[in-house]
Protein backbone atom coordinates (compact mmCIF):
# COMPACT_ATOMS: atom_id res chain seq x y z
CA MET A 1 14.64 20.52 30.14
CA PRO A 2 13.51 23.30 32.52
CA THR A 3 13.65 26.86 31.21
CA VAL A 4 16.52 28.87 32.70
CA ASP A 5 15.38 32.20 34.13
CA PHE A 6 17.53 35.23 33.29
CA PRO A 7 16.34 38.25 35.33
CA ALA A 8 18.87 40.42 33.50
CA ASP A 9 17.04 39.67 30.25
CA ARG A 10 13.89 41.19 31.74
CA MET A 11 15.86 44.29 32.72
CA LEU A 12 17.21 44.55 29.18
CA ALA A 13 13.71 44.13 27.75
CA ASP A 14 12.49 46.99 29.93
CA ILE A 15 15.31 49.27 28.79
CA ALA A 16 14.66 48.33 25.16
CA ALA A 17 10.91 48.93 25.45
CA ARG A 18 11.40 52.39 26.96
CA GLU A 19 13.98 53.30 24.36
CA TRP A 20 11.85 52.04 21.51
CA SER A 21 8.81 53.99 22.67
CA PHE A 22 10.90 57.16 22.94
CA ARG A 23 12.45 56.58 19.52
CA ARG A 24 9.06 56.08 17.87
CA GLN A 25 7.85 59.40 19.28
CA HIS A 26 10.88 61.50 18.35
CA VAL A 27 11.87 60.58 14.80
CA VAL A 28 10.31 60.30 11.35
CA ARG A 29 13.16 58.30 9.88
CA GLU A 30 16.09 56.69 11.63
CA LEU A 31 18.64 54.02 10.84
CA GLY A 32 17.23 53.75 7.34
CA ALA A 33 13.63 52.93 8.39
CA TYR A 34 10.47 55.02 8.42
CA VAL A 35 8.40 55.27 11.58
CA PRO A 36 4.75 54.24 11.19
CA LEU A 37 2.45 57.13 10.38
CA ARG A 38 1.23 59.27 13.28
CA GLY A 39 -1.12 62.25 13.38
CA VAL A 40 1.67 64.65 14.36
CA LEU A 41 5.30 65.13 13.50
CA PRO A 42 7.96 65.09 16.23
CA ASN A 43 9.32 68.25 17.78
CA ILE A 44 12.79 69.01 16.41
CA ASP A 45 13.52 72.33 18.12
CA PRO A 46 16.73 72.74 20.19
CA ALA A 47 15.04 71.76 23.47
CA SER A 48 13.80 68.52 21.92
CA GLN A 49 17.25 67.80 20.49
CA ALA A 50 18.78 68.26 23.95
CA GLU A 51 16.15 65.90 25.37
CA LYS A 52 17.10 63.23 22.85
CA LEU A 53 20.79 63.56 23.62
CA ALA A 54 20.16 63.25 27.35
CA PHE A 55 17.84 60.27 26.93
CA TRP A 56 20.10 58.23 24.66
CA THR A 57 23.10 59.02 26.86
CA SER A 58 21.20 57.67 29.86
CA VAL A 59 20.19 54.54 27.96
CA LEU A 60 23.81 53.83 27.10
CA CYS A 61 24.70 54.16 30.77
CA GLU A 62 22.00 51.65 31.68
CA LEU A 63 23.23 49.21 29.05
CA HIS A 64 26.81 49.62 30.26
CA GLU A 65 25.79 48.90 33.86
CA LEU A 66 23.85 45.79 32.87
CA ASP A 67 25.95 42.73 33.66
CA ALA A 68 26.52 40.99 30.32
CA ASP A 69 27.47 37.75 32.08
CA ALA A 70 24.02 37.66 33.69
CA LEU A 71 22.27 37.74 30.34
CA SER A 72 21.26 34.75 28.25
CA PRO A 73 23.12 34.27 24.94
CA THR A 74 20.18 35.90 23.14
CA GLY A 75 20.16 38.71 25.68
CA ARG A 76 23.85 39.38 25.15
CA GLU A 77 23.26 39.59 21.42
CA ASP A 78 20.28 41.92 21.90
CA ARG A 79 22.31 44.15 24.20
CA LEU A 80 25.10 44.43 21.63
CA VAL A 81 22.67 45.32 18.84
CA LEU A 82 20.73 47.86 20.91
CA ARG A 83 23.92 49.48 22.16
CA GLN A 84 25.19 49.92 18.61
CA GLN A 85 21.91 51.49 17.50
CA VAL A 86 21.65 53.86 20.45
CA GLU A 87 25.28 54.91 20.17
CA ALA A 88 24.66 55.89 16.54
CA LEU A 89 21.59 57.88 17.58
CA ARG A 90 23.49 59.56 20.42
CA LEU A 91 26.44 60.53 18.24
CA SER A 92 24.06 61.97 15.67
CA GLN A 93 22.86 64.31 18.42
CA VAL A 94 26.40 65.06 19.60
CA PHE A 95 27.45 66.16 16.11
CA ARG A 96 24.07 67.85 15.53
CA ASP A 97 23.21 66.09 12.31
CA TYR A 98 19.76 67.66 12.65
CA GLU A 99 21.37 70.90 11.44
CA ARG A 100 22.03 69.14 8.08
CA PRO A 101 18.63 67.41 7.71
CA PHE A 102 19.05 66.42 4.08
CA ASN A 103 21.62 64.98 1.70
CA GLY A 104 21.91 63.93 -1.91
CA SER A 105 19.45 61.06 -1.45
CA THR A 106 17.15 61.85 1.46
CA SER A 107 15.60 64.94 3.03
CA PHE A 108 13.28 65.87 5.83
CA TRP A 109 10.79 67.23 3.31
CA ASP A 110 10.66 64.00 1.34
CA ASP A 111 10.56 61.97 4.56
CA THR A 112 7.16 63.50 5.29
CA ALA A 113 5.98 62.51 1.83
CA ALA A 114 7.53 59.04 2.14
CA SER A 115 5.83 58.44 5.48
CA ILE A 116 2.56 58.70 3.53
CA ARG A 117 3.85 57.12 0.33
CA GLU A 118 5.07 54.00 2.16
CA GLU A 119 2.14 53.59 4.56
CA ALA A 120 -0.48 50.89 4.02
CA PHE A 121 -3.75 52.84 4.26
CA ASP A 122 -6.09 50.17 5.58
CA SER A 123 -8.19 52.10 8.11
CA GLU A 124 -9.97 55.40 8.58
CA ARG A 125 -7.59 56.22 11.43
CA LYS A 126 -4.58 56.22 9.09
CA TYR A 127 -6.28 58.67 6.77
CA ARG A 128 -7.01 60.99 9.67
CA ASP A 129 -3.41 60.61 10.87
CA ALA A 130 -2.18 61.61 7.42
CA ILE A 131 -4.35 64.74 7.52
CA GLY A 132 -3.01 65.56 10.98
CA LEU A 133 0.56 65.11 9.79
CA MET A 134 -0.02 67.44 6.84
CA ARG A 135 -1.52 70.11 9.08
CA ASP A 136 1.54 69.88 11.32
CA MET A 137 4.04 70.34 8.50
CA PRO A 138 4.39 74.18 8.67
CA ARG A 139 5.57 73.94 12.27
CA TYR A 140 7.88 71.03 11.47
CA PHE A 141 9.40 72.72 8.41
CA ASP A 142 9.92 75.98 10.32
CA GLU A 143 11.79 74.14 13.07
CA ALA A 144 13.95 72.40 10.45
CA ILE A 145 14.71 75.76 8.82
CA ALA A 146 15.77 77.18 12.19
CA ASN A 147 18.05 74.19 12.72
CA MET A 148 19.62 74.70 9.27
CA GLN A 149 20.18 78.38 10.07
CA ALA A 150 22.06 77.32 13.20
CA GLY A 151 24.14 74.95 11.11
CA LEU A 152 24.97 77.69 8.61
CA ALA A 153 26.08 79.95 11.44
CA ARG A 154 28.73 77.46 12.58
CA GLY A 155 29.81 76.28 9.12
CA PHE A 156 27.95 72.97 9.34
CA SER A 157 25.99 72.74 6.12
CA GLN A 158 25.75 70.60 3.06
CA PRO A 159 28.26 71.53 0.35
CA ALA A 160 27.01 74.05 -2.19
CA ILE A 161 27.59 71.61 -5.06
CA ILE A 162 24.66 69.38 -4.06
CA LEU A 163 22.14 72.18 -3.55
CA PRO A 164 20.79 72.72 -7.08
CA ALA A 165 19.57 69.13 -7.27
CA ALA A 166 18.10 69.26 -3.75
CA ILE A 167 16.28 72.51 -4.52
CA ARG A 168 14.80 71.00 -7.67
CA THR A 169 13.04 68.35 -5.57
CA ILE A 170 11.25 71.13 -3.66
CA GLU A 171 10.38 72.94 -6.87
CA ALA A 172 9.00 69.71 -8.33
CA VAL A 173 6.48 69.35 -5.50
CA LEU A 174 5.30 72.93 -5.92
CA ALA A 175 4.98 72.44 -9.67
CA GLN A 176 2.53 69.57 -9.26
CA ALA A 177 -1.22 69.83 -9.19
CA LEU A 178 -2.48 69.39 -5.65
CA ASP A 179 -4.09 66.03 -6.33
CA ASP A 180 -0.95 64.72 -8.05
CA THR A 181 1.23 65.10 -4.96
CA ASP A 182 2.28 62.11 -2.88
CA TYR A 183 0.26 63.59 -0.04
CA PHE A 184 -3.03 63.19 -1.87
CA GLN A 185 -2.44 59.78 -3.50
CA PRO A 186 -4.04 57.70 -0.69
CA PHE A 187 -7.18 59.84 -0.96
CA ARG A 188 -7.76 58.96 -4.61
CA ALA A 189 -9.17 55.56 -3.68
CA PHE A 190 -10.21 54.07 -0.37
CA PRO A 191 -10.24 50.48 0.88
CA GLN A 192 -13.48 48.83 1.95
CA SER A 193 -12.53 49.35 5.60
CA VAL A 194 -13.16 53.09 5.26
CA PRO A 195 -16.88 53.89 5.45
CA VAL A 196 -18.29 55.26 2.20
CA ALA A 197 -20.02 58.05 4.12
CA VAL A 198 -16.73 59.64 5.22
CA ARG A 199 -14.60 59.23 2.10
CA ASP A 200 -15.55 62.49 0.40
CA ASP A 201 -15.06 64.39 3.64
CA LEU A 202 -11.61 62.86 4.17
CA ALA A 203 -10.57 63.73 0.62
CA GLN A 204 -11.82 67.30 1.09
CA GLN A 205 -9.94 67.66 4.39
CA ALA A 206 -6.79 66.37 2.69
CA SER A 207 -7.15 68.88 -0.15
CA VAL A 208 -7.53 71.73 2.32
CA ALA A 209 -4.54 70.55 4.39
CA ILE A 210 -2.34 70.33 1.29
CA ALA A 211 -3.44 73.76 0.02
CA ASP A 212 -3.30 75.55 3.36
CA ALA A 213 -0.40 73.80 5.12
CA VAL A 214 1.72 71.51 2.95
CA LEU A 215 2.30 73.68 -0.10
CA PRO A 216 2.88 76.92 1.87
CA ALA A 217 5.44 75.04 3.99
CA TYR A 218 7.24 73.94 0.84
CA ALA A 219 7.06 77.46 -0.58
CA ARG A 220 8.72 78.97 2.52
CA LEU A 221 11.34 76.23 2.44
CA LEU A 222 12.09 76.96 -1.20
CA VAL A 223 12.64 80.66 -0.50
CA PHE A 224 14.96 79.80 2.37
CA MET A 225 16.94 77.27 0.37
CA ARG A 226 17.35 79.59 -2.61
CA ASP A 227 17.98 82.89 -0.83
CA VAL A 228 19.66 81.92 2.44
CA TYR A 229 21.02 78.37 2.44
CA ALA A 230 22.54 78.41 -1.03
CA ALA A 231 24.22 81.72 -0.30
CA GLY A 232 25.71 80.56 3.00
CA ALA A 233 26.55 76.91 2.32
CA VAL A 234 30.11 75.69 2.67
CA THR A 235 32.09 75.02 -0.50
CA PRO A 236 34.52 72.28 0.66
CA ILE A 237 33.13 68.80 0.03
CA ALA A 238 35.12 66.93 2.70
CA ALA A 239 33.46 66.00 5.99
CA THR A 240 36.79 66.59 7.69
CA GLU A 241 36.45 70.27 6.74
CA LEU A 242 33.32 70.58 8.90
CA PRO A 243 33.46 71.52 12.59
CA ASP A 244 35.14 68.71 14.53
CA GLY A 245 35.35 67.09 11.13
CA GLN A 246 37.85 64.29 11.75
CA ALA A 247 35.94 62.97 14.75
CA TYR A 248 32.69 63.36 12.81
CA TYR A 249 33.95 61.32 9.87
CA ASP A 250 35.49 58.65 12.11
CA ALA A 251 32.13 58.27 13.86
CA LYS A 252 30.32 57.91 10.54
CA VAL A 253 32.78 55.23 9.39
CA ARG A 254 32.07 53.22 12.54
CA GLU A 255 28.31 53.77 12.29
CA PHE A 256 27.92 52.72 8.68
CA THR A 257 30.40 49.83 8.58
CA THR A 258 29.64 48.43 12.09
CA LEU A 259 33.26 47.26 11.96
CA ASP A 260 36.40 48.39 13.73
CA MET A 261 38.26 49.54 10.62
CA GLN A 262 40.25 52.67 9.91
CA ALA A 263 39.51 54.82 6.88
CA ASP A 264 42.98 54.29 5.43
CA ASP A 265 42.57 50.51 5.59
CA ILE A 266 39.18 50.75 3.86
CA TYR A 267 40.74 52.92 1.14
CA ASP A 268 43.53 50.43 0.48
CA LEU A 269 41.11 47.50 0.43
CA GLY A 270 38.89 49.43 -1.96
CA LEU A 271 41.74 50.01 -4.40
CA ALA A 272 42.50 46.29 -4.50
CA GLU A 273 38.86 45.27 -4.91
CA VAL A 274 38.33 47.79 -7.70
CA GLU A 275 41.07 46.11 -9.70
CA THR A 276 39.60 42.66 -9.04
CA CYS A 277 36.15 43.77 -10.18
CA SER A 278 37.55 45.62 -13.19
CA ALA A 279 39.22 42.42 -14.38
CA GLN A 280 35.86 40.63 -14.14
CA MET A 281 34.22 43.41 -16.16
CA LEU A 282 36.77 42.88 -18.92
CA GLN A 283 36.19 39.12 -18.81
CA ALA A 284 32.45 39.65 -19.26
CA MET A 285 33.13 42.04 -22.13
CA ARG A 286 35.26 39.43 -23.90
CA ALA A 287 32.58 36.79 -23.31
CA SER A 288 30.15 38.98 -25.25
CA GLY A 289 32.40 38.66 -28.32
CA PHE A 290 33.50 42.29 -28.30
CA ASP A 291 37.22 42.55 -29.14
CA GLY A 292 37.76 46.29 -28.75
CA THR A 293 38.82 48.34 -25.75
CA LEU A 294 36.70 48.97 -22.66
CA PRO A 295 35.98 52.60 -23.67
CA GLU A 296 34.86 51.35 -27.07
CA PHE A 297 32.63 48.75 -25.42
CA LEU A 298 31.11 51.40 -23.18
CA ALA A 299 30.42 53.59 -26.22
CA PHE A 300 28.74 50.60 -27.89
CA LEU A 301 26.58 49.98 -24.81
CA LYS A 302 25.68 53.66 -24.58
CA ASN A 303 24.63 54.08 -28.19
CA ASP A 304 22.94 50.80 -29.11
CA PRO A 305 19.16 51.02 -28.52
CA GLN A 306 18.89 47.29 -27.77
CA PHE A 307 20.24 48.03 -24.28
CA TYR A 308 17.62 50.59 -23.26
CA PRO A 309 13.90 50.46 -22.48
CA VAL A 310 11.54 52.05 -24.96
CA SER A 311 9.27 53.39 -22.21
CA ALA A 312 8.86 53.57 -18.47
CA GLN A 313 6.30 50.77 -18.70
CA ASP A 314 8.81 48.63 -20.57
CA LEU A 315 11.34 49.06 -17.77
CA LEU A 316 8.78 48.24 -15.07
CA MET A 317 7.51 45.15 -16.90
CA ARG A 318 11.01 43.80 -17.48
CA ALA A 319 11.74 44.22 -13.77
CA ALA A 320 8.57 42.31 -12.93
CA TRP A 321 9.64 39.46 -15.25
CA ILE A 322 13.02 39.23 -13.50
CA THR A 323 11.38 39.02 -10.08
CA LYS A 324 9.25 36.09 -11.26
CA LYS A 325 12.34 34.27 -12.53
CA VAL A 326 13.93 34.70 -9.11
CA GLU A 327 10.84 33.69 -7.17
CA ALA A 328 10.64 30.41 -9.10
CA LYS A 329 13.98 29.39 -7.57
CA LEU A 330 13.68 30.65 -4.00
CA ASP A 331 12.78 27.31 -2.44
CA ARG A 332 16.18 25.92 -3.43
CA PHE A 333 17.96 28.61 -1.41
CA PHE A 334 15.66 29.48 1.50
CA GLY A 335 13.69 27.46 4.00
CA LEU A 336 11.55 30.40 5.12
CA LEU A 337 9.91 32.85 2.72
CA PRO A 338 8.19 36.13 3.68
CA ARG A 339 4.41 36.29 3.63
CA ARG A 340 4.30 39.84 2.35
CA ARG A 341 4.42 40.54 -1.39
CA PHE A 342 5.71 43.74 -2.98
CA ALA A 343 4.61 46.12 -5.71
CA ILE A 344 6.85 47.58 -8.43
CA GLU A 345 6.24 51.28 -8.97
CA PRO A 346 8.09 54.19 -10.59
CA VAL A 347 9.94 56.69 -8.43
CA PRO A 348 7.73 59.79 -8.04
CA ASP A 349 8.55 62.49 -10.57
CA SER A 350 9.22 65.06 -7.83
CA ILE A 351 12.30 63.22 -6.55
CA ALA A 352 13.32 61.08 -9.53
CA PRO A 353 16.11 63.37 -10.90
CA THR A 354 18.16 62.97 -7.71
CA TYR A 355 16.95 59.53 -6.70
CA PRO A 356 19.02 56.31 -6.98
CA MET A 357 18.35 53.80 -9.75
CA GLY A 358 15.97 51.96 -7.45
CA THR A 359 15.15 51.23 -3.82
CA GLY A 360 13.47 48.36 -2.05
CA ALA A 361 11.46 48.22 1.17
CA PRO A 362 8.77 45.96 2.62
CA GLY A 363 5.96 45.92 0.09
CA LEU A 364 7.52 48.24 -2.49
CA TYR A 365 10.25 48.16 -5.14
CA LEU A 366 10.69 51.70 -6.50
CA LEU A 367 12.30 51.82 -9.93
CA ASN A 368 13.63 55.07 -11.38
CA THR A 369 12.11 55.61 -14.82
CA HIS A 370 13.41 59.18 -15.18
CA ASN A 371 15.85 59.71 -18.08
CA LEU A 372 15.55 56.28 -19.70
CA ALA A 373 18.82 56.85 -21.57
CA ALA A 374 20.55 56.39 -18.20
CA ARG A 375 18.70 53.13 -17.35
CA PRO A 376 20.49 50.35 -19.28
CA LEU A 377 18.65 47.05 -19.28
CA TYR A 378 21.80 45.08 -18.51
CA ILE A 379 21.77 46.73 -15.08
CA LEU A 380 18.19 45.66 -14.37
CA PRO A 381 18.85 42.03 -13.24
CA VAL A 382 21.46 43.03 -10.65
CA LEU A 383 19.40 46.01 -9.49
CA THR A 384 16.31 43.84 -9.02
CA LEU A 385 18.20 41.18 -7.11
CA HIS A 386 19.54 43.89 -4.79
CA GLU A 387 16.45 45.99 -4.23
CA ALA A 388 13.62 43.49 -4.52
CA VAL A 389 14.14 39.74 -4.25
CA PRO A 390 15.98 38.19 -2.51
CA GLY A 391 17.42 41.57 -1.49
CA HIS A 392 15.78 44.42 0.39
CA CYS A 393 12.05 43.73 -0.10
CA PHE A 394 12.60 40.08 0.79
CA GLN A 395 14.99 40.59 3.72
CA MET A 396 13.12 43.48 5.34
CA SER A 397 9.79 41.64 5.13
CA LEU A 398 11.28 38.57 6.79
CA ALA A 399 12.71 40.76 9.56
CA ALA A 400 9.38 42.48 10.15
CA GLU A 401 7.58 39.12 10.33
CA ASN A 402 10.00 37.66 12.87
CA ASP A 403 8.07 37.75 16.13
CA ALA A 404 10.99 36.17 17.98
CA ARG A 405 12.98 39.41 17.78
CA PRO A 406 12.34 42.63 19.72
CA ALA A 407 11.08 45.63 17.77
CA PHE A 408 14.48 47.28 17.56
CA ARG A 409 15.66 44.25 15.57
CA SER A 410 12.55 43.57 13.49
CA GLN A 411 11.31 47.06 12.65
CA THR A 412 14.52 48.90 11.83
CA TYR A 413 17.03 48.74 9.03
CA ALA A 414 20.82 48.56 9.30
CA ILE A 415 22.63 49.99 6.29
CA ALA A 416 25.67 47.71 6.59
CA TYR A 417 23.70 44.51 7.20
CA GLY A 418 20.93 45.26 4.71
CA ASN A 419 23.25 46.17 1.89
CA ALA A 420 25.76 43.45 2.70
CA TRP A 421 22.93 40.98 2.20
CA ALA A 422 21.76 42.71 -0.99
CA LEU A 423 25.27 42.67 -2.51
CA TYR A 424 25.65 39.01 -1.60
CA CYS A 425 22.37 38.41 -3.47
CA GLU A 426 23.79 40.21 -6.50
CA LYS A 427 27.13 38.50 -6.65
CA ARG A 428 26.60 34.97 -5.34
CA LEU A 429 22.88 34.22 -5.58
CA GLY A 430 22.33 35.96 -8.89
CA VAL A 431 24.95 33.71 -10.46
CA GLU A 432 23.87 30.55 -8.62
CA MET A 433 20.23 31.13 -9.53
CA GLY A 434 21.10 31.67 -13.19
CA ILE A 435 19.57 35.14 -13.34
CA TYR A 436 22.38 36.60 -15.45
CA GLU A 437 21.51 35.12 -18.82
CA THR A 438 23.90 37.06 -21.07
CA PRO A 439 27.45 38.39 -20.84
CA TYR A 440 25.90 41.86 -20.84
CA ASP A 441 23.95 40.99 -17.69
CA LEU A 442 27.18 39.80 -16.07
CA PHE A 443 28.93 42.96 -17.18
CA GLY A 444 26.15 44.94 -15.51
CA MET A 445 26.58 42.97 -12.29
CA TRP A 446 30.35 43.50 -12.21
CA SER A 447 29.91 47.13 -13.18
CA LEU A 448 27.66 47.79 -10.18
CA LEU A 449 29.88 45.73 -7.89
CA THR A 450 32.82 47.80 -9.08
CA LEU A 451 30.84 50.88 -8.12
CA ARG A 452 30.52 49.54 -4.57
CA ALA A 453 34.27 48.93 -4.41
CA VAL A 454 34.87 52.37 -5.92
CA ARG A 455 32.78 53.85 -3.11
CA MET A 456 35.33 52.72 -0.55
CA VAL A 457 38.00 54.63 -2.43
CA VAL A 458 35.97 57.72 -3.27
CA ASP A 459 34.29 58.17 0.11
CA VAL A 460 37.59 58.12 1.95
CA GLY A 461 39.30 60.01 -0.87
CA VAL A 462 36.80 62.86 -0.73
CA HIS A 463 36.33 63.06 3.02
CA ALA A 464 39.80 62.27 4.32
CA LYS A 465 42.36 62.50 1.52
CA GLY A 466 41.64 65.79 -0.19
CA TRP A 467 40.07 64.55 -3.43
CA ASP A 468 38.15 67.25 -5.28
CA TYR A 469 34.91 66.68 -7.18
CA ASP A 470 36.50 66.31 -10.59
CA ARG A 471 39.01 63.74 -9.44
CA ALA A 472 36.31 61.65 -7.80
CA ARG A 473 33.98 61.88 -10.82
CA ASP A 474 36.74 60.99 -13.28
CA TYR A 475 37.86 58.00 -11.19
CA MET A 476 34.28 56.71 -11.02
CA THR A 477 33.80 57.21 -14.75
CA GLU A 478 37.00 55.37 -15.60
CA LYS A 479 36.43 52.42 -13.29
CA THR A 480 32.69 51.71 -13.50
CA GLY A 481 31.61 52.51 -17.03
CA LEU A 482 28.23 53.68 -15.71
CA PRO A 483 26.34 56.54 -17.41
CA LEU A 484 27.47 59.99 -16.30
CA PRO A 485 24.07 60.94 -14.79
CA VAL A 486 24.24 57.87 -12.56
CA ILE A 487 27.81 58.69 -11.53
CA GLU A 488 26.94 62.32 -10.76
CA ALA A 489 23.98 61.31 -8.60
CA GLU A 490 26.03 58.68 -6.76
CA LEU A 491 28.95 61.03 -6.14
CA LYS A 492 26.73 63.75 -4.72
CA ARG A 493 25.28 61.17 -2.39
CA TYR A 494 28.74 60.20 -1.11
CA ILE A 495 29.72 63.83 -0.68
CA SER A 496 26.60 64.71 1.27
CA TRP A 497 26.30 61.49 3.32
CA PRO A 498 29.80 60.73 4.66
CA GLY A 499 30.55 57.07 5.32
CA GLN A 500 27.12 55.78 4.29
CA ALA A 501 28.39 53.87 1.26
CA LEU A 502 31.30 52.16 3.04
CA GLY A 503 29.52 49.25 4.65
CA TYR A 504 28.09 47.64 1.51
CA TYR A 505 31.14 45.87 0.13
CA LEU A 506 32.78 45.26 3.50
CA GLY A 507 29.61 43.62 4.76
CA MET A 508 29.30 41.44 1.66
CA MET A 509 32.84 40.23 2.24
CA ALA A 510 31.90 39.30 5.82
CA ILE A 511 29.00 37.13 4.58
CA GLU A 512 31.22 35.51 1.97
CA ARG A 513 33.86 34.74 4.62
CA ALA A 514 31.20 33.17 6.82
CA ARG A 515 29.89 31.03 3.97
CA GLU A 516 33.33 29.86 2.91
CA LYS A 517 34.11 28.90 6.50
CA ALA A 518 30.83 27.00 6.89
CA GLU A 519 31.27 25.16 3.60
CA LYS A 520 34.82 24.18 4.50
CA LEU A 521 34.11 22.96 8.04
CA LEU A 522 30.73 21.33 7.43
CA GLY A 523 31.55 19.78 4.07
CA PRO A 524 28.66 17.77 2.58
CA ALA A 525 26.52 18.64 5.63
CA PHE A 526 26.49 22.32 4.64
CA ASP A 527 22.89 23.38 3.91
CA ILE A 528 22.59 26.57 1.88
CA ARG A 529 19.00 27.10 3.00
CA ALA A 530 19.91 26.82 6.67
CA PHE A 531 22.83 29.21 6.14
CA HIS A 532 20.62 31.85 4.54
CA ASP A 533 17.80 31.39 7.05
CA ARG A 534 20.26 31.85 9.90
CA ILE A 535 21.50 35.18 8.59
CA LEU A 536 18.04 36.49 7.75
CA ALA A 537 16.65 35.49 11.15
CA LEU A 538 19.10 37.86 12.83
CA GLY A 539 17.44 41.01 11.56
CA PRO A 540 19.47 44.21 11.19
CA VAL A 541 22.62 43.64 13.25
CA PRO A 542 26.30 44.66 13.19
CA MET A 543 28.29 42.48 10.81
CA THR A 544 30.30 41.04 13.69
CA VAL A 545 27.06 39.49 14.96
CA VAL A 546 26.51 37.84 11.57
CA GLU A 547 29.93 36.20 11.63
CA ASN A 548 29.56 35.17 15.27
CA SER A 549 26.16 33.62 14.60
CA ILE A 550 27.49 31.54 11.71
CA ASP A 551 30.40 30.41 13.89
CA GLN A 552 27.82 29.30 16.46
CA MET A 553 25.81 27.48 13.80
CA ILE A 554 28.93 25.65 12.65
CA ALA A 555 29.77 24.64 16.22
CA GLU A 556 26.22 23.40 16.84
CA GLN A 557 26.21 21.27 13.70
CA LEU A 558 29.67 19.83 14.34
CA ASP A 559 28.63 18.96 17.88
CA ALA A 560 25.49 17.25 16.59
CA GLN A 561 27.55 15.29 14.05
CA SER A 562 30.01 14.15 16.71
CA LYS A 563 27.18 12.82 18.86
CA LEU A 564 25.83 10.82 15.95
CA ALA A 565 29.24 9.36 15.05
């Protein structure tokens, strides 16, 4: 069959290439993904922010003018995905998110460290780029401070309640020895690709850059955060209390869910799902043989040493064992596996106190070993399924290796899609693979899933319904049974990152709906490996694209069956 030519697809590819090149040059982190290491940091001064707003506005105009009917089916899908990404980037400029360049989980200062921490140093050029980045940090930090001052002046800051923890992450970097910082880690050992003759010189240049540029930049930032930002930060915790707050929160709900849902509807759905998950928690508790109340069970879990690691190494090794149990069963559930493997490492000490329980990315599963009394082992199976395999490390590696997709679909990360997949791995695949071996493991799974349902209630409650901190914390404590340090860290994340946590559970429900529909309509012809491969081949897309793609898969298979009948 001759190939059909779609000139509009070439026009879309040109728009996408120009946008992608611009995006790579102007951000360190966007849409949940880090930009590959460069020798300089982007300009983030007001003129550069205006340039970004103008550029992304013009791109949206070009995408709007492109005739969707003239595109191929793949082109129409690409246009939808790119438009959603660019609209999120544009609205971030409209609301001037750059004036609040940190939250309870991420920050511009850790993004610079993470861009080095997450880079694969396999050439001399990357080491020189890292040195260039470090030398550029004073300018970059000063521009960020100026942006935060502008935010303070108009009442657009992070709430005061999250600042002590954020400030501690800056203090932690300054408390480290120079060669213990994330910035120096790549210079401790070099790959064979770096000539022996230049290694000592590169390490010396890195030491000088850290001493003369990196640490002074952090020191100035610390003074600003302690003396200026903390004194001027807003006290209300609701996003709707910020300038243009209602429109801001509505935009964040759309961005992070990728669905056309109202906050009130999400809140009501969350309340119902919390009760469903809570009932499953109680069922798992009863299956363990415990006949007391839930608070008594939680006290038992908190105080019995059998449920906690004896050391950081113990926690890391147990996580590694779980990943091997999962990997032994992958071929039953997936037709295509990623080529890239991943390491399991502890979260750096400088950010661990405010960091989530764990995070996964291509090549790296970071596990938080800080405060082992808040790291119950019955949480570890569900956490590993979510963050490592077949969750984030697995999914993101497959996306990056998919040469059939343009860069904006293979080299980015969508919070709704990525976490929808990871929650599906927890709830459906963890059970179907037999990873939860005890009732305590199942209790841990339902406890974390309850947390994700609770997020829908708490996020909307805090940002749109007037909930104060204590009410949100007490509700989370009552419903999840998680340790208080975990709850406090999670709540501060929701407060400081409006809407971000909403897409997880909603997206998981979309995948479950798609699977139930495929199983029902295809019957015995349903292939679980083909279903999973189809979703993972999409890359980071709005959840509507996931459901539409599965509908298309069902139609294709039914059509093929009818032709064989």
